């Protein structure tokens, strides 16, 4: 079983925010089962870069990799077309559409705290979404 982390789930973990313990439990699984798309890692990077600088941003990515996060860079045509479909259907951010498409690809549960983009998705039988807070 795989689990997909969107940016807000990873940021909650890194900042020890509410819900971060759920992500921590997921990241502790053996063998590693947490995946994130590179686009969502970009969101984590720029969030830390903006608030704390380059070293903090690189450190955040290093911390996620050190605990076993598997980074995916899927970008084949079928994948990015699915991203576009999700963006239109659910009126979500492009980065969140990447996370959802990655969850589709792996038949995985998606972890997020972003109710705005994922509330409608969570009500669909086609997707499994867990809100970490």
Protein backbone atom coordinates (compact mmCIF):
# COMPACT_ATOMS: atom_id res chain seq x y z
CA UNK A 1 0.00 0.00 0.00
CA UNK A 2 1.32 3.41 -0.97
CA UNK A 3 0.47 6.80 0.52
CA UNK A 4 0.78 10.10 -1.30
CA UNK A 5 1.72 13.26 0.58
CA UNK A 6 0.77 16.66 -0.73
CA UNK A 7 2.78 19.74 0.19
CA UNK A 8 0.65 20.76 3.17
CA UNK A 9 1.01 17.29 4.70
CA UNK A 10 4.79 17.41 4.31
CA UNK A 11 4.94 20.93 5.73
CA UNK A 12 2.81 19.91 8.73
CA UNK A 13 5.28 17.09 9.39
CA UNK A 14 8.36 19.30 9.01
CA UNK A 15 6.96 22.04 11.25
CA UNK A 16 5.53 19.65 13.83
CA UNK A 17 2.07 21.13 13.24
CA UNK A 18 -1.23 19.42 14.08
CA UNK A 19 -1.59 16.39 11.83
CA UNK A 20 2.16 16.06 11.45
CA UNK A 21 2.12 12.96 13.67
CA UNK A 22 -0.09 11.18 11.12
CA UNK A 23 2.47 11.90 8.42
CA UNK A 24 5.25 10.81 10.79
CA UNK A 25 3.53 7.44 11.30
CA UNK A 26 3.23 7.02 7.54
CA UNK A 27 6.88 7.91 6.96
CA UNK A 28 7.94 5.40 9.64
CA UNK A 29 6.49 2.45 7.73
CA UNK A 30 8.87 -0.26 6.55
CA UNK A 31 9.38 -0.69 3.73
CA UNK A 32 8.95 2.98 2.84
CA UNK A 33 5.46 3.63 1.49
CA UNK A 34 5.17 7.44 1.25
CA UNK A 35 5.49 9.08 -2.11
CA UNK A 36 5.33 12.68 -3.29
CA UNK A 37 5.50 14.21 -6.72
CA UNK A 38 8.42 16.53 -7.43
CA UNK A 39 5.93 19.35 -8.10
CA UNK A 40 4.66 19.02 -4.53
CA UNK A 41 8.22 19.00 -3.22
CA UNK A 42 8.74 22.23 -5.14
CA UNK A 43 5.90 23.72 -3.07
CA UNK A 44 7.65 22.60 0.13
CA UNK A 45 10.94 24.04 -1.13
CA UNK A 46 9.58 27.47 -2.03
CA UNK A 47 7.57 27.69 1.20
CA UNK A 48 10.71 27.19 3.30
CA UNK A 49 12.81 29.30 0.92
CA UNK A 50 10.45 32.26 1.25
CA UNK A 51 10.20 32.10 5.03
CA UNK A 52 13.62 30.89 6.12
CA UNK A 53 16.06 30.93 3.20
CA UNK A 54 17.96 28.53 0.99
CA UNK A 55 19.54 26.41 3.73
CA UNK A 56 16.20 25.79 5.42
CA UNK A 57 14.59 24.91 2.10
CA UNK A 58 17.31 22.41 1.20
CA UNK A 59 17.23 21.07 4.75
CA UNK A 60 13.49 20.44 4.53
CA UNK A 61 13.95 18.34 1.39
CA UNK A 62 16.91 16.50 2.94
CA UNK A 63 14.84 15.74 6.05
CA UNK A 64 12.01 14.26 3.97
CA UNK A 65 14.38 12.09 1.94
CA UNK A 66 16.19 10.97 5.11
CA UNK A 67 12.98 9.55 6.57
CA UNK A 68 12.23 7.55 3.44
CA UNK A 69 10.04 9.77 1.27
CA UNK A 70 10.03 8.43 -2.28
CA UNK A 71 10.13 11.24 -4.84
CA UNK A 72 8.32 10.66 -8.13
CA UNK A 73 8.82 12.68 -11.28
CA UNK A 74 6.09 11.11 -13.42
CA UNK A 75 5.44 13.24 -16.48
CA UNK A 76 4.42 10.94 -19.29
CA UNK A 77 1.58 12.10 -21.52
CA UNK A 78 -1.12 9.99 -19.88
CA UNK A 79 -0.09 11.35 -16.48
CA UNK A 80 -0.07 15.04 -17.32
CA UNK A 81 -3.35 14.70 -19.18
CA UNK A 82 -4.88 13.20 -16.02
CA UNK A 83 -3.45 16.16 -14.07
CA UNK A 84 -5.30 18.49 -16.43
CA UNK A 85 -8.55 16.54 -16.05
CA UNK A 86 -8.35 16.71 -12.25
CA UNK A 87 -7.57 20.43 -12.32
CA UNK A 88 -10.69 21.11 -14.40
CA UNK A 89 -13.02 18.62 -12.69
CA UNK A 90 -12.20 19.59 -9.12
CA UNK A 91 -11.13 23.22 -9.66
CA UNK A 92 -7.97 22.58 -7.67
CA UNK A 93 -4.47 23.97 -7.82
CA UNK A 94 -2.18 22.46 -10.42
CA UNK A 95 0.15 21.08 -7.74
CA UNK A 96 -2.75 19.37 -5.96
CA UNK A 97 -3.83 17.87 -9.28
CA UNK A 98 -0.33 16.34 -9.51
CA UNK A 99 -0.72 14.79 -6.05
CA UNK A 100 -4.14 13.40 -6.92
CA UNK A 101 -2.92 11.98 -10.23
CA UNK A 102 -0.03 10.29 -8.45
CA UNK A 103 -2.51 8.77 -5.99
CA UNK A 104 -4.53 7.51 -8.96
CA UNK A 105 -1.47 6.01 -10.59
CA UNK A 106 -0.60 3.99 -7.48
CA UNK A 107 -4.12 3.31 -6.21
CA UNK A 108 -2.96 5.13 -3.10
CA UNK A 109 -4.49 7.13 -0.29
CA UNK A 110 -3.69 10.85 -0.36
CA UNK A 111 -2.79 12.66 2.88
CA UNK A 112 -3.56 16.38 3.06
CA UNK A 113 -4.85 19.14 5.28
CA UNK A 114 -6.20 21.09 2.30
CA UNK A 115 -9.94 20.78 2.64
CA UNK A 116 -10.53 23.56 0.13
CA UNK A 117 -9.07 21.58 -2.78
CA UNK A 118 -9.83 18.07 -1.57
CA UNK A 119 -13.24 18.13 0.15
CA UNK A 120 -15.09 17.38 -3.09
CA UNK A 121 -12.49 14.79 -4.07
CA UNK A 122 -12.92 13.00 -0.73
CA UNK A 123 -16.59 12.47 -1.47
CA UNK A 124 -15.83 10.61 -4.69
CA UNK A 125 -15.72 6.82 -4.48
CA UNK A 126 -12.86 6.94 -6.98
CA UNK A 127 -10.38 8.54 -4.54
CA UNK A 128 -9.19 7.94 -0.99
CA UNK A 129 -8.32 11.13 0.86
CA UNK A 130 -7.31 11.40 4.50
CA UNK A 131 -7.40 14.81 6.13
CA UNK A 132 -4.61 15.01 8.68
CA UNK A 133 -6.45 17.74 10.63
